[in-house]
Amino acid sequence: MRFTAFWMIASLASCSQPETDTPPPALDRRAVMAKEIERAVGAKLLDIDIARYSRHYAATENGQIMAVYLRECGKEVAGCADAKTIWTTSDKLPFVMDGGCGVVMVAYDPQTGTLINAACNGEA
């Protein structure tokens, strides 16, 4: 009897949930937050086509989200597929001293849903 009960429990424990394409909740929250930030940046910087930028995001110690957008494709390139969204740590965000509007610096407060800053980087 013990042997049979063991196999029944072991069989149930080995049952797996069906695979889905649903991302884990943390990834889903990040994706939603990234879209919120991108909408706010797009509304502020009307000349920026965000789809042409790699978007690097990181949460800071004070709870804000810092982002660096790097233009991957020039205006002459149609259907650019290189631009992507990347979440990293704040110490691994790209650091660029110039770049004009090829580099956009972003600060966002997720607690209030406020875009603190979004601006093209300086020129060297």
PDB file of N, CA and C in Angstrom:
ATOM      1  N   MET A   1       0.816  -1.194   0.000  1.00  0.00           N
ATOM      2  CA  MET A   1       0.000   0.000   0.000  1.00  0.00           C
ATOM      3  C   MET A   1       0.862   1.262   0.000  1.00  0.00           C
ATOM      4  N   ARG A   2       1.909   1.288   0.827  1.00  0.00           N
ATOM      5  CA  ARG A   2       2.794   2.453   0.856  1.00  0.00           C
ATOM      6  C   ARG A   2       3.445   2.664  -0.506  1.00  0.00           C
ATOM      7  N   PHE A   3       3.851   1.600  -1.131  1.00  0.00           N
ATOM      8  CA  PHE A   3       4.511   1.674  -2.429  1.00  0.00           C
ATOM      9  C   PHE A   3       3.572   2.276  -3.479  1.00  0.00           C
ATOM     10  N   THR A   4       2.321   1.849  -3.496  1.00  0.00           N
ATOM     11  CA  THR A   4       1.335   2.366  -4.445  1.00  0.00           C
ATOM     12  C   THR A   4       1.046   3.841  -4.176  1.00  0.00           C
ATOM     13  N   ALA A   5       0.897   4.220  -2.925  1.00  0.00           N
ATOM     14  CA  ALA A   5       0.641   5.621  -2.570  1.00  0.00           C
ATOM     15  C   ALA A   5       1.811   6.497  -2.997  1.00  0.00           C
ATOM     16  N   PHE A   6       3.020   5.996  -2.817  1.00  0.00           N
ATOM     17  CA  PHE A   6       4.213   6.747  -3.224  1.00  0.00           C
ATOM     18  C   PHE A   6       4.174   7.036  -4.725  1.00  0.00           C
ATOM     19  N   TRP A   7       3.857   6.026  -5.536  1.00  0.00           N
ATOM     20  CA  TRP A   7       3.830   6.204  -6.988  1.00  0.00           C
ATOM     21  C   TRP A   7       2.699   7.128  -7.425  1.00  0.00           C
ATOM     22  N   MET A   8       1.587   7.093  -6.735  1.00  0.00           N
ATOM     23  CA  MET A   8       0.489   7.996  -7.070  1.00  0.00           C
ATOM     24  C   MET A   8       0.898   9.446  -6.821  1.00  0.00           C
ATOM     25  N   ILE A   9       1.529   9.693  -5.684  1.00  0.00           N
ATOM     26  CA  ILE A   9       1.983  11.043  -5.347  1.00  0.00           C
ATOM     27  C   ILE A   9       3.081  11.481  -6.306  1.00  0.00           C
ATOM     28  N   ALA A  10       4.014  10.573  -6.590  1.00  0.00           N
ATOM     29  CA  ALA A  10       5.098  10.901  -7.518  1.00  0.00           C
ATOM     30  C   ALA A  10       4.553  11.197  -8.909  1.00  0.00           C
ATOM     31  N   SER A  11       3.538  10.466  -9.350  1.00  0.00           N
ATOM     32  CA  SER A  11       2.949  10.698 -10.671  1.00  0.00           C
ATOM     33  C   SER A  11       2.279  12.073 -10.737  1.00  0.00           C
ATOM     34  N   LEU A  12       1.558  12.424  -9.676  1.00  0.00           N
ATOM     35  CA  LEU A  12       0.901  13.727  -9.651  1.00  0.00           C
ATOM     36  C   LEU A  12       1.914  14.859  -9.604  1.00  0.00           C
ATOM     37  N   ALA A  13       2.988  14.659  -8.859  1.00  0.00           N
ATOM     38  CA  ALA A  13       4.008  15.694  -8.731  1.00  0.00           C
ATOM     39  C   ALA A  13       4.727  15.928 -10.042  1.00  0.00           C
ATOM     40  N   SER A  14       4.801  14.908 -10.880  1.00  0.00           N
ATOM     41  CA  SER A  14       5.524  15.068 -12.139  1.00  0.00           C
ATOM     42  C   SER A  14       4.669  15.678 -13.232  1.00  0.00           C
ATOM     43  N   CYS A  15       3.388  15.872 -12.982  1.00  0.00           N
ATOM     44  CA  CYS A  15       2.525  16.503 -13.980  1.00  0.00           C
ATOM     45  C   CYS A  15       2.960  17.953 -14.141  1.00  0.00           C
ATOM     46  N   SER A  16       3.106  18.375 -15.353  1.00  0.00           N
ATOM     47  CA  SER A  16       3.522  19.758 -15.575  1.00  0.00           C
ATOM     48  C   SER A  16       2.371  20.541 -16.165  1.00  0.00           C
ATOM     49  N   GLN A  17       2.447  21.829 -15.953  1.00  0.00           N
ATOM     50  CA  GLN A  17       1.457  22.722 -16.521  1.00  0.00           C
ATOM     51  C   GLN A  17       1.735  22.855 -18.012  1.00  0.00           C
ATOM     52  N   PRO A  18       0.717  23.047 -18.824  1.00  0.00           N
ATOM     53  CA  PRO A  18       0.965  23.231 -20.248  1.00  0.00           C
ATOM     54  C   PRO A  18       1.778  24.491 -20.485  1.00  0.00           C
ATOM     55  N   GLU A  19       2.667  24.437 -21.465  1.00  0.00           N
ATOM     56  CA  GLU A  19       3.492  25.596 -21.785  1.00  0.00           C
ATOM     57  C   GLU A  19       2.635  26.668 -22.441  1.00  0.00           C
ATOM     58  N   THR A  20       2.927  27.913 -22.098  1.00  0.00           N
ATOM     59  CA  THR A  20       2.214  29.029 -22.704  1.00  0.00           C
ATOM     60  C   THR A  20       3.232  30.055 -23.172  1.00  0.00           C
ATOM     61  N   ASP A  21       2.785  30.976 -23.972  1.00  0.00           N
ATOM     62  CA  ASP A  21       3.646  32.055 -24.430  1.00  0.00           C
ATOM     63  C   ASP A  21       3.540  33.274 -23.524  1.00  0.00           C
ATOM     64  N   THR A  22       2.849  33.152 -22.411  1.00  0.00           N
ATOM     65  CA  THR A  22       2.674  34.260 -21.483  1.00  0.00           C
ATOM     66  C   THR A  22       3.977  34.500 -20.734  1.00  0.00           C
ATOM     67  N   PRO A  23       4.510  35.733 -20.791  1.00  0.00           N
ATOM     68  CA  PRO A  23       5.746  36.005 -20.072  1.00  0.00           C
ATOM     69  C   PRO A  23       5.509  36.004 -18.566  1.00  0.00           C
ATOM     70  N   PRO A  24       6.566  35.781 -17.791  1.00  0.00           N
ATOM     71  CA  PRO A  24       6.417  35.871 -16.336  1.00  0.00           C
ATOM     72  C   PRO A  24       5.908  37.260 -15.953  1.00  0.00           C
ATOM     73  N   PRO A  25       5.189  37.384 -14.834  1.00  0.00           N
ATOM     74  CA  PRO A  25       4.604  38.676 -14.446  1.00  0.00           C
ATOM     75  C   PRO A  25       5.599  39.826 -14.390  1.00  0.00           C
ATOM     76  N   ALA A  26       6.827  39.588 -13.905  1.00  0.00           N
ATOM     77  CA  ALA A  26       7.812  40.674 -13.814  1.00  0.00           C
ATOM     78  C   ALA A  26       8.152  41.201 -15.201  1.00  0.00           C
ATOM     79  N   LEU A  27       8.299  40.317 -16.176  1.00  0.00           N
ATOM     80  CA  LEU A  27       8.608  40.749 -17.532  1.00  0.00           C
ATOM     81  C   LEU A  27       7.438  41.501 -18.137  1.00  0.00           C
ATOM     82  N   ASP A  28       6.231  41.050 -17.848  1.00  0.00           N
ATOM     83  CA  ASP A  28       5.043  41.708 -18.359  1.00  0.00           C
ATOM     84  C   ASP A  28       4.928  43.127 -17.801  1.00  0.00           C
ATOM     85  N   ARG A  29       5.202  43.310 -16.504  1.00  0.00           N
ATOM     86  CA  ARG A  29       5.158  44.650 -15.891  1.00  0.00           C
ATOM     87  C   ARG A  29       6.196  45.560 -16.530  1.00  0.00           C
ATOM     88  N   ARG A  30       7.385  45.020 -16.786  1.00  0.00           N
ATOM     89  CA  ARG A  30       8.426  45.828 -17.428  1.00  0.00           C
ATOM     90  C   ARG A  30       8.005  46.248 -18.828  1.00  0.00           C
ATOM     91  N   ALA A  31       7.408  45.341 -19.565  1.00  0.00           N
ATOM     92  CA  ALA A  31       6.971  45.658 -20.930  1.00  0.00           C
ATOM     93  C   ALA A  31       5.909  46.752 -20.904  1.00  0.00           C
ATOM     94  N   VAL A  32       4.969  46.656 -19.983  1.00  0.00           N
ATOM     95  CA  VAL A  32       3.918  47.679 -19.853  1.00  0.00           C
ATOM     96  C   VAL A  32       4.540  49.011 -19.470  1.00  0.00           C
ATOM     97  N   MET A  33       5.469  49.000 -18.522  1.00  0.00           N
ATOM     98  CA  MET A  33       6.118  50.228 -18.088  1.00  0.00           C
ATOM     99  C   MET A  33       6.921  50.845 -19.241  1.00  0.00           C
ATOM    100  N   ALA A  34       7.632  50.014 -19.992  1.00  0.00           N
ATOM    101  CA  ALA A  34       8.408  50.522 -21.124  1.00  0.00           C
ATOM    102  C   ALA A  34       7.493  51.206 -22.129  1.00  0.00           C
ATOM    103  N   LYS A  35       6.350  50.620 -22.406  1.00  0.00           N
ATOM    104  CA  LYS A  35       5.396  51.234 -23.345  1.00  0.00           C
ATOM    105  C   LYS A  35       4.877  52.570 -22.813  1.00  0.00           C
ATOM    106  N   GLU A  36       4.610  52.648 -21.502  1.00  0.00           N
ATOM    107  CA  GLU A  36       4.158  53.910 -20.897  1.00  0.00           C
ATOM    108  C   GLU A  36       5.223  54.987 -21.054  1.00  0.00           C
ATOM    109  N   ILE A  37       6.476  54.619 -20.779  1.00  0.00           N
ATOM    110  CA  ILE A  37       7.582  55.572 -20.898  1.00  0.00           C
ATOM    111  C   ILE A  37       7.727  56.013 -22.348  1.00  0.00           C
ATOM    112  N   GLU A  38       7.679  55.066 -23.265  1.00  0.00           N
ATOM    113  CA  GLU A  38       7.849  55.384 -24.690  1.00  0.00           C
ATOM    114  C   GLU A  38       6.739  56.301 -25.194  1.00  0.00           C
ATOM    115  N   ARG A  39       5.511  56.091 -24.724  1.00  0.00           N
ATOM    116  CA  ARG A  39       4.412  56.999 -25.098  1.00  0.00           C
ATOM    117  C   ARG A  39       4.696  58.415 -24.602  1.00  0.00           C
ATOM    118  N   ALA A  40       5.158  58.528 -23.361  1.00  0.00           N
ATOM    119  CA  ALA A  40       5.443  59.845 -22.785  1.00  0.00           C
ATOM    120  C   ALA A  40       6.608  60.520 -23.507  1.00  0.00           C
ATOM    121  N   VAL A  41       7.645  59.765 -23.820  1.00  0.00           N
ATOM    122  CA  VAL A  41       8.800  60.324 -24.545  1.00  0.00           C
ATOM    123  C   VAL A  41       8.367  60.759 -25.940  1.00  0.00           C
ATOM    124  N   GLY A  42       7.582  59.921 -26.620  1.00  0.00           N
ATOM    125  CA  GLY A  42       7.097  60.268 -27.952  1.00  0.00           C
ATOM    126  C   GLY A  42       6.250  61.524 -27.961  1.00  0.00           C
ATOM    127  N   ALA A  43       5.470  61.741 -26.900  1.00  0.00           N
ATOM    128  CA  ALA A  43       4.634  62.942 -26.806  1.00  0.00           C
ATOM    129  C   ALA A  43       5.480  64.185 -26.557  1.00  0.00           C
ATOM    130  N   LYS A  44       6.599  64.025 -25.855  1.00  0.00           N
ATOM    131  CA  LYS A  44       7.458  65.174 -25.558  1.00  0.00           C
ATOM    132  C   LYS A  44       8.410  65.483 -26.711  1.00  0.00           C
ATOM    133  N   LEU A  45       9.008  64.456 -27.280  1.00  0.00           N
ATOM    134  CA  LEU A  45       9.979  64.639 -28.358  1.00  0.00           C
ATOM    135  C   LEU A  45       9.344  64.189 -29.674  1.00  0.00           C
ATOM    136  N   LEU A  46       8.604  65.062 -30.279  1.00  0.00           N
ATOM    137  CA  LEU A  46       7.803  64.712 -31.451  1.00  0.00           C
ATOM    138  C   LEU A  46       8.645  64.320 -32.666  1.00  0.00           C
ATOM    139  N   ASP A  47       9.887  64.787 -32.744  1.00  0.00           N
ATOM    140  CA  ASP A  47      10.743  64.476 -33.887  1.00  0.00           C
ATOM    141  C   ASP A  47      11.443  63.130 -33.753  1.00  0.00           C
ATOM    142  N   ILE A  48      11.225  62.429 -32.658  1.00  0.00           N
ATOM    143  CA  ILE A  48      11.904  61.156 -32.398  1.00  0.00           C
ATOM    144  C   ILE A  48      11.003  60.000 -32.817  1.00  0.00           C
ATOM    145  N   ASP A  49      11.534  59.121 -33.668  1.00  0.00           N
ATOM    146  CA  ASP A  49      10.834  57.882 -34.024  1.00  0.00           C
ATOM    147  C   ASP A  49      11.402  56.783 -33.132  1.00  0.00           C
ATOM    148  N   ILE A  50      10.747  56.538 -32.015  1.00  0.00           N
ATOM    149  CA  ILE A  50      11.263  55.626 -30.994  1.00  0.00           C
ATOM    150  C   ILE A  50      11.522  54.228 -31.544  1.00  0.00           C
ATOM    151  N   ALA A  51      10.793  53.819 -32.557  1.00  0.00           N
ATOM    152  CA  ALA A  51      10.975  52.485 -33.135  1.00  0.00           C
ATOM    153  C   ALA A  51      12.369  52.308 -33.734  1.00  0.00           C
ATOM    154  N   ARG A  52      13.060  53.396 -34.009  1.00  0.00           N
ATOM    155  CA  ARG A  52      14.408  53.318 -34.584  1.00  0.00           C
ATOM    156  C   ARG A  52      15.508  53.300 -33.519  1.00  0.00           C
ATOM    157  N   TYR A  53      15.124  53.261 -32.252  1.00  0.00           N
ATOM    158  CA  TYR A  53      16.087  53.319 -31.152  1.00  0.00           C
ATOM    159  C   TYR A  53      16.088  52.017 -30.350  1.00  0.00           C
ATOM    160  N   SER A  54      17.288  51.585 -29.931  1.00  0.00           N
ATOM    161  CA  SER A  54      17.379  50.571 -28.884  1.00  0.00           C
ATOM    162  C   SER A  54      17.072  51.303 -27.598  1.00  0.00           C
ATOM    163  N   ARG A  55      16.258  50.704 -26.757  1.00  0.00           N
ATOM    164  CA  ARG A  55      15.837  51.359 -25.533  1.00  0.00           C
ATOM    165  C   ARG A  55      16.350  50.565 -24.342  1.00  0.00           C
ATOM    166  N   HIS A  56      17.284  51.165 -23.616  1.00  0.00           N
ATOM    167  CA  HIS A  56      17.939  50.522 -22.477  1.00  0.00           C
ATOM    168  C   HIS A  56      17.358  51.111 -21.195  1.00  0.00           C
ATOM    169  N   TYR A  57      16.742  50.274 -20.353  1.00  0.00           N
ATOM    170  CA  TYR A  57      16.079  50.716 -19.131  1.00  0.00           C
ATOM    171  C   TYR A  57      16.752  50.106 -17.909  1.00  0.00           C
ATOM    172  N   ALA A  58      16.738  50.868 -16.805  1.00  0.00           N
ATOM    173  CA  ALA A  58      17.245  50.354 -15.533  1.00  0.00           C
ATOM    174  C   ALA A  58      16.532  51.060 -14.386  1.00  0.00           C
ATOM    175  N   ALA A  59      16.203  50.291 -13.356  1.00  0.00           N
ATOM    176  CA  ALA A  59      15.641  50.872 -12.136  1.00  0.00           C
ATOM    177  C   ALA A  59      16.794  51.383 -11.280  1.00  0.00           C
ATOM    178  N   THR A  60      16.606  52.546 -10.680  1.00  0.00           N
ATOM    179  CA  THR A  60      17.637  53.114  -9.819  1.00  0.00           C
ATOM    180  C   THR A  60      17.298  52.818  -8.360  1.00  0.00           C
ATOM    181  N   GLU A  61      18.239  53.132  -7.480  1.00  0.00           N
ATOM    182  CA  GLU A  61      18.028  52.880  -6.046  1.00  0.00           C
ATOM    183  C   GLU A  61      16.869  53.690  -5.483  1.00  0.00           C
ATOM    184  N   ASN A  62      16.580  54.854  -6.067  1.00  0.00           N
ATOM    185  CA  ASN A  62      15.486  55.686  -5.550  1.00  0.00           C
ATOM    186  C   ASN A  62      14.139  55.334  -6.176  1.00  0.00           C
ATOM    187  N   GLY A  63      14.093  54.248  -6.967  1.00  0.00           N
ATOM    188  CA  GLY A  63      12.838  53.772  -7.523  1.00  0.00           C
ATOM    189  C   GLY A  63      12.486  54.334  -8.889  1.00  0.00           C
ATOM    190  N   GLN A  64      13.290  55.288  -9.367  1.00  0.00           N
ATOM    191  CA  GLN A  64      13.037  55.834 -10.689  1.00  0.00           C
ATOM    192  C   GLN A  64      13.566  54.886 -11.766  1.00  0.00           C
ATOM    193  N   ILE A  65      13.122  55.099 -12.980  1.00  0.00           N
ATOM    194  CA  ILE A  65      13.620  54.357 -14.128  1.00  0.00           C
ATOM    195  C   ILE A  65      14.452  55.320 -14.962  1.00  0.00           C
ATOM    196  N   MET A  66      15.685  54.942 -15.212  1.00  0.00           N
ATOM    197  CA  MET A  66      16.551  55.707 -16.106  1.00  0.00           C
ATOM    198  C   MET A  66      16.599  54.938 -17.420  1.00  0.00           C
ATOM    199  N   ALA A  67      16.665  55.667 -18.521  1.00  0.00           N
ATOM    200  CA  ALA A  67      16.739  55.010 -19.821  1.00  0.00           C
ATOM    201  C   ALA A  67      17.677  55.769 -20.733  1.00  0.00           C
ATOM    202  N   VAL A  68      18.310  55.015 -21.603  1.00  0.00           N
ATOM    203  CA  VAL A  68      19.136  55.587 -22.663  1.00  0.00           C
ATOM    204  C   VAL A  68      18.636  54.970 -23.957  1.00  0.00           C
ATOM    205  N   TYR A  69      18.217  55.820 -24.881  1.00  0.00           N
ATOM    206  CA  TYR A  69      17.774  55.363 -26.197  1.00  0.00           C
ATOM    207  C   TYR A  69      18.905  55.641 -27.180  1.00  0.00           C
ATOM    208  N   LEU A  70      19.305  54.630 -27.930  1.00  0.00           N
ATOM    209  CA  LEU A  70      20.367  54.766 -28.927  1.00  0.00           C
ATOM    210  C   LEU A  70      19.786  54.497 -30.308  1.00  0.00           C
ATOM    211  N   ARG A  71      19.937  55.469 -31.218  1.00  0.00           N
ATOM    212  CA  ARG A  71      19.382  55.275 -32.558  1.00  0.00           C
ATOM    213  C   ARG A  71      20.182  54.200 -33.278  1.00  0.00           C
ATOM    214  N   GLU A  72      19.469  53.185 -33.724  1.00  0.00           N
ATOM    215  CA  GLU A  72      20.082  52.055 -34.431  1.00  0.00           C
ATOM    216  C   GLU A  72      19.978  52.222 -35.933  1.00  0.00           C
ATOM    217  N   CYS A  73      19.007  53.010 -36.385  1.00  0.00           N
ATOM    218  CA  CYS A  73      18.737  53.136 -37.817  1.00  0.00           C
ATOM    219  C   CYS A  73      18.579  54.601 -38.175  1.00  0.00           C
ATOM    220  N   GLY A  74      19.139  54.978 -39.290  1.00  0.00           N
ATOM    221  CA  GLY A  74      18.964  56.331 -39.778  1.00  0.00           C
ATOM    222  C   GLY A  74      17.588  56.507 -40.395  1.00  0.00           C
ATOM    223  N   LYS A  75      17.208  57.731 -40.657  1.00  0.00           N
ATOM    224  CA  LYS A  75      15.890  58.011 -41.236  1.00  0.00           C
ATOM    225  C   LYS A  75      15.735  57.390 -42.615  1.00  0.00           C
ATOM    226  N   GLU A  76      16.858  57.164 -43.302  1.00  0.00           N
ATOM    227  CA  GLU A  76      16.786  56.611 -44.652  1.00  0.00           C
ATOM    228  C   GLU A  76      16.529  55.108 -44.669  1.00  0.00           C
ATOM    229  N   VAL A  77      16.615  54.453 -43.531  1.00  0.00           N
ATOM    230  CA  VAL A  77      16.428  53.001 -43.466  1.00  0.00           C
ATOM    231  C   VAL A  77      14.962  52.692 -43.189  1.00  0.00           C
ATOM    232  N   ALA A  78      14.335  51.955 -44.093  1.00  0.00           N
ATOM    233  CA  ALA A  78      12.936  51.565 -43.909  1.00  0.00           C
ATOM    234  C   ALA A  78      12.876  50.181 -43.276  1.00  0.00           C
ATOM    235  N   GLY A  79      11.951  49.977 -42.381  1.00  0.00           N
ATOM    236  CA  GLY A  79      11.746  48.662 -41.782  1.00  0.00           C
ATOM    237  C   GLY A  79      12.899  48.198 -40.917  1.00  0.00           C
ATOM    238  N   CYS A  80      13.487  49.085 -40.173  1.00  0.00           N
ATOM    239  CA  CYS A  80      14.616  48.728 -39.311  1.00  0.00           C
ATOM    240  C   CYS A  80      14.198  47.680 -38.296  1.00  0.00           C
ATOM    241  N   ALA A  81      14.969  46.613 -38.177  1.00  0.00           N
ATOM    242  CA  ALA A  81      14.617  45.537 -37.252  1.00  0.00           C
ATOM    243  C   ALA A  81      15.622  45.402 -36.118  1.00  0.00           C
ATOM    244  N   ASP A  82      16.613  46.290 -36.060  1.00  0.00           N
ATOM    245  CA  ASP A  82      17.661  46.153 -35.055  1.00  0.00           C
ATOM    246  C   ASP A  82      17.295  46.754 -33.699  1.00  0.00           C
ATOM    247  N   ALA A  83      16.355  47.694 -33.676  1.00  0.00           N
ATOM    248  CA  ALA A  83      16.000  48.362 -32.432  1.00  0.00           C
ATOM    249  C   ALA A  83      15.312  47.379 -31.491  1.00  0.00           C
ATOM    250  N   LYS A  84      15.629  47.480 -30.198  1.00  0.00           N
ATOM    251  CA  LYS A  84      15.085  46.537 -29.221  1.00  0.00           C
ATOM    252  C   LYS A  84      14.969  47.208 -27.855  1.00  0.00           C
ATOM    253  N   THR A  85      14.288  46.529 -26.946  1.00  0.00           N
ATOM    254  CA  THR A  85      14.161  46.993 -25.571  1.00  0.00           C
ATOM    255  C   THR A  85      15.003  46.090 -24.684  1.00  0.00           C
ATOM    256  N   ILE A  86      15.837  46.704 -23.837  1.00  0.00           N
ATOM    257  CA  ILE A  86      16.753  45.960 -22.976  1.00  0.00           C
ATOM    258  C   ILE A  86      16.600  46.484 -21.548  1.00  0.00           C
ATOM    259  N   TRP A  87      16.389  45.588 -20.599  1.00  0.00           N
ATOM    260  CA  TRP A  87      16.389  45.961 -19.182  1.00  0.00           C
ATOM    261  C   TRP A  87      17.714  45.497 -18.592  1.00  0.00           C
ATOM    262  N   THR A  88      18.356  46.365 -17.841  1.00  0.00           N
ATOM    263  CA  THR A  88      19.658  46.063 -17.267  1.00  0.00           C
ATOM    264  C   THR A  88      19.750  46.729 -15.893  1.00  0.00           C
ATOM    265  N   THR A  89      20.930  46.777 -15.346  1.00  0.00           N
ATOM    266  CA  THR A  89      21.149  47.498 -14.092  1.00  0.00           C
ATOM    267  C   THR A  89      21.684  48.881 -14.434  1.00  0.00           C
ATOM    268  N   SER A  90      21.504  49.833 -13.524  1.00  0.00           N
ATOM    269  CA  SER A  90      21.871  51.218 -13.821  1.00  0.00           C
ATOM    270  C   SER A  90      23.357  51.377 -14.122  1.00  0.00           C
ATOM    271  N   ASP A  91      24.213  50.539 -13.553  1.00  0.00           N
ATOM    272  CA  ASP A  91      25.646  50.651 -13.835  1.00  0.00           C
ATOM    273  C   ASP A  91      26.016  50.115 -15.219  1.00  0.00           C
ATOM    274  N   LYS A  92      25.080  49.457 -15.893  1.00  0.00           N
ATOM    275  CA  LYS A  92      25.356  48.910 -17.223  1.00  0.00           C
ATOM    276  C   LYS A  92      24.634  49.656 -18.338  1.00  0.00           C
ATOM    277  N   LEU A  93      23.980  50.766 -17.999  1.00  0.00           N
ATOM    278  CA  LEU A  93      23.358  51.582 -19.039  1.00  0.00           C
ATOM    279  C   LEU A  93      24.453  52.155 -19.938  1.00  0.00           C
ATOM    280  N   PRO A  94      24.187  52.288 -21.231  1.00  0.00           N
ATOM    281  CA  PRO A  94      25.182  52.901 -22.119  1.00  0.00           C
ATOM    282  C   PRO A  94      25.511  54.315 -21.649  1.00  0.00           C
ATOM    283  N   PHE A  95      26.770  54.694 -21.779  1.00  0.00           N
ATOM    284  CA  PHE A  95      27.215  56.030 -21.396  1.00  0.00           C
ATOM    285  C   PHE A  95      27.794  56.690 -22.643  1.00  0.00           C
ATOM    286  N   VAL A  96      27.171  57.791 -23.063  1.00  0.00           N
ATOM    287  CA  VAL A  96      27.592  58.487 -24.273  1.00  0.00           C
ATOM    288  C   VAL A  96      27.737  59.968 -23.937  1.00  0.00           C
ATOM    289  N   MET A  97      28.866  60.553 -24.326  1.00  0.00           N
ATOM    290  CA  MET A  97      29.130  61.954 -24.006  1.00  0.00           C
ATOM    291  C   MET A  97      28.479  62.933 -24.982  1.00  0.00           C
ATOM    292  N   ASP A  98      28.181  62.492 -26.177  1.00  0.00           N
ATOM    293  CA  ASP A  98      27.569  63.388 -27.157  1.00  0.00           C
ATOM    294  C   ASP A  98      26.540  62.578 -27.939  1.00  0.00           C
ATOM    295  N   GLY A  99      26.358  62.846 -29.194  1.00  0.00           N
ATOM    296  CA  GLY A  99      25.444  62.038 -29.993  1.00  0.00           C
ATOM    297  C   GLY A  99      24.197  62.755 -30.444  1.00  0.00           C
ATOM    298  N   GLY A 100      23.974  63.969 -29.941  1.00  0.00           N
ATOM    299  CA  GLY A 100      22.782  64.702 -30.351  1.00  0.00           C
ATOM    300  C   GLY A 100      21.525  63.887 -30.127  1.00  0.00           C
ATOM    301  N   CYS A 101      20.616  63.903 -31.089  1.00  0.00           N
ATOM    302  CA  CYS A 101      19.370  63.153 -30.941  1.00  0.00           C
ATOM    303  C   CYS A 101      19.515  61.694 -31.351  1.00  0.00           C
ATOM    304  N   GLY A 102      20.756  61.266 -31.633  1.00  0.00           N
ATOM    305  CA  GLY A 102      21.017  59.838 -31.809  1.00  0.00           C
ATOM    306  C   GLY A 102      21.034  59.134 -30.465  1.00  0.00           C
ATOM    307  N   VAL A 103      21.093  59.935 -29.394  1.00  0.00           N
ATOM    308  CA  VAL A 103      21.067  59.426 -28.021  1.00  0.00           C
ATOM    309  C   VAL A 103      20.047  60.253 -27.245  1.00  0.00           C
ATOM    310  N   VAL A 104      19.100  59.578 -26.611  1.00  0.00           N
ATOM    311  CA  VAL A 104      18.081  60.267 -25.813  1.00  0.00           C
ATOM    312  C   VAL A 104      18.191  59.763 -24.380  1.00  0.00           C
ATOM    313  N   MET A 105      18.282  60.692 -23.449  1.00  0.00           N
ATOM    314  CA  MET A 105      18.358  60.364 -22.027  1.00  0.00           C
ATOM    315  C   MET A 105      16.963  60.555 -21.424  1.00  0.00           C
ATOM    316  N   VAL A 106      16.526  59.566 -20.615  1.00  0.00           N
ATOM    317  CA  VAL A 106      15.167  59.575 -20.071  1.00  0.00           C
ATOM    318  C   VAL A 106      15.207  59.287 -18.569  1.00  0.00           C
ATOM    319  N   ALA A 107      14.368  59.989 -17.818  1.00  0.00           N
ATOM    320  CA  ALA A 107      14.150  59.696 -16.400  1.00  0.00           C
ATOM    321  C   ALA A 107      12.635  59.641 -16.188  1.00  0.00           C
ATOM    322  N   TYR A 108      12.176  58.602 -15.488  1.00  0.00           N
ATOM    323  CA  TYR A 108      10.742  58.354 -15.319  1.00  0.00           C
ATOM    324  C   TYR A 108      10.482  57.899 -13.892  1.00  0.00           C
ATOM    325  N   ASP A 109       9.393  58.401 -13.310  1.00  0.00           N
ATOM    326  CA  ASP A 109       8.995  57.995 -11.965  1.00  0.00           C
ATOM    327  C   ASP A 109       7.787  57.063 -12.063  1.00  0.00           C
ATOM    328  N   PRO A 110       7.994  55.758 -11.867  1.00  0.00           N
ATOM    329  CA  PRO A 110       6.878  54.818 -11.992  1.00  0.00           C
ATOM    330  C   PRO A 110       5.839  54.955 -10.880  1.00  0.00           C
ATOM    331  N   GLN A 111       6.225  55.528  -9.744  1.00  0.00           N
ATOM    332  CA  GLN A 111       5.274  55.703  -8.640  1.00  0.00           C
ATOM    333  C   GLN A 111       4.166  56.687  -9.012  1.00  0.00           C
ATOM    334  N   THR A 112       4.555  57.734  -9.734  1.00  0.00           N
ATOM    335  CA  THR A 112       3.581  58.763 -10.109  1.00  0.00           C
ATOM    336  C   THR A 112       3.213  58.712 -11.588  1.00  0.00           C
ATOM    337  N   GLY A 113       3.932  57.900 -12.360  1.00  0.00           N
ATOM    338  CA  GLY A 113       3.693  57.845 -13.798  1.00  0.00           C
ATOM    339  C   GLY A 113       4.143  59.108 -14.511  1.00  0.00           C
ATOM    340  N   THR A 114       5.153  59.776 -13.937  1.00  0.00           N
ATOM    341  CA  THR A 114       5.615  61.059 -14.453  1.00  0.00           C
ATOM    342  C   THR A 114       6.922  60.921 -15.218  1.00  0.00           C
ATOM    343  N   LEU A 115       6.951  61.495 -16.409  1.00  0.00           N
ATOM    344  CA  LEU A 115       8.189  61.612 -17.156  1.00  0.00           C
ATOM    345  C   LEU A 115       8.953  62.792 -16.569  1.00  0.00           C
ATOM    346  N   ILE A 116      10.058  62.525 -15.928  1.00  0.00           N
ATOM    347  CA  ILE A 116      10.843  63.575 -15.282  1.00  0.00           C
ATOM    348  C   ILE A 116      11.654  64.353 -16.314  1.00  0.00           C
ATOM    349  N   ASN A 117      12.245  63.608 -17.244  1.00  0.00           N
ATOM    350  CA  ASN A 117      13.063  64.239 -18.263  1.00  0.00           C
ATOM    351  C   ASN A 117      13.173  63.323 -19.474  1.00  0.00           C
ATOM    352  N   ALA A 118      13.215  63.927 -20.635  1.00  0.00           N
ATOM    353  CA  ALA A 118      13.508  63.224 -21.887  1.00  0.00           C
ATOM    354  C   ALA A 118      14.137  64.263 -22.797  1.00  0.00           C
ATOM    355  N   ALA A 119      15.392  64.058 -23.122  1.00  0.00           N
ATOM    356  CA  ALA A 119      16.097  65.067 -23.924  1.00  0.00           C
ATOM    357  C   ALA A 119      17.174  64.411 -24.772  1.00  0.00           C
ATOM    358  N   CYS A 120      17.410  65.041 -25.923  1.00  0.00           N
ATOM    359  CA  CYS A 120      18.524  64.602 -26.755  1.00  0.00           C
ATOM    360  C   CYS A 120      19.816  64.898 -26.011  1.00  0.00           C
ATOM    361  N   ASN A 121      20.798  64.057 -26.229  1.00  0.00           N
ATOM    362  CA  ASN A 121      22.102  64.242 -25.613  1.00  0.00           C
ATOM    363  C   ASN A 121      22.805  65.439 -26.260  1.00  0.00           C
ATOM    364  N   GLY A 122      23.853  65.900 -25.648  1.00  0.00           N
ATOM    365  CA  GLY A 122      24.604  67.043 -26.184  1.00  0.00           C
ATOM    366  C   GLY A 122      25.427  66.689 -27.403  1.00  0.00           C
ATOM    367  N   GLU A 123      26.032  67.683 -27.982  1.00  0.00           N
ATOM    368  CA  GLU A 123      26.941  67.524 -29.118  1.00  0.00           C
ATOM    369  C   GLU A 123      28.351  67.808 -28.633  1.00  0.00           C
ATOM    370  N   ALA A 124      29.303  67.002 -29.102  1.00  0.00           N
ATOM    371  CA  ALA A 124      30.717  67.228 -28.715  1.00  0.00           C
ATOM    372  C   ALA A 124      31.313  68.323 -29.558  1.00  0.00           C
TER     373      ALA A 124
END
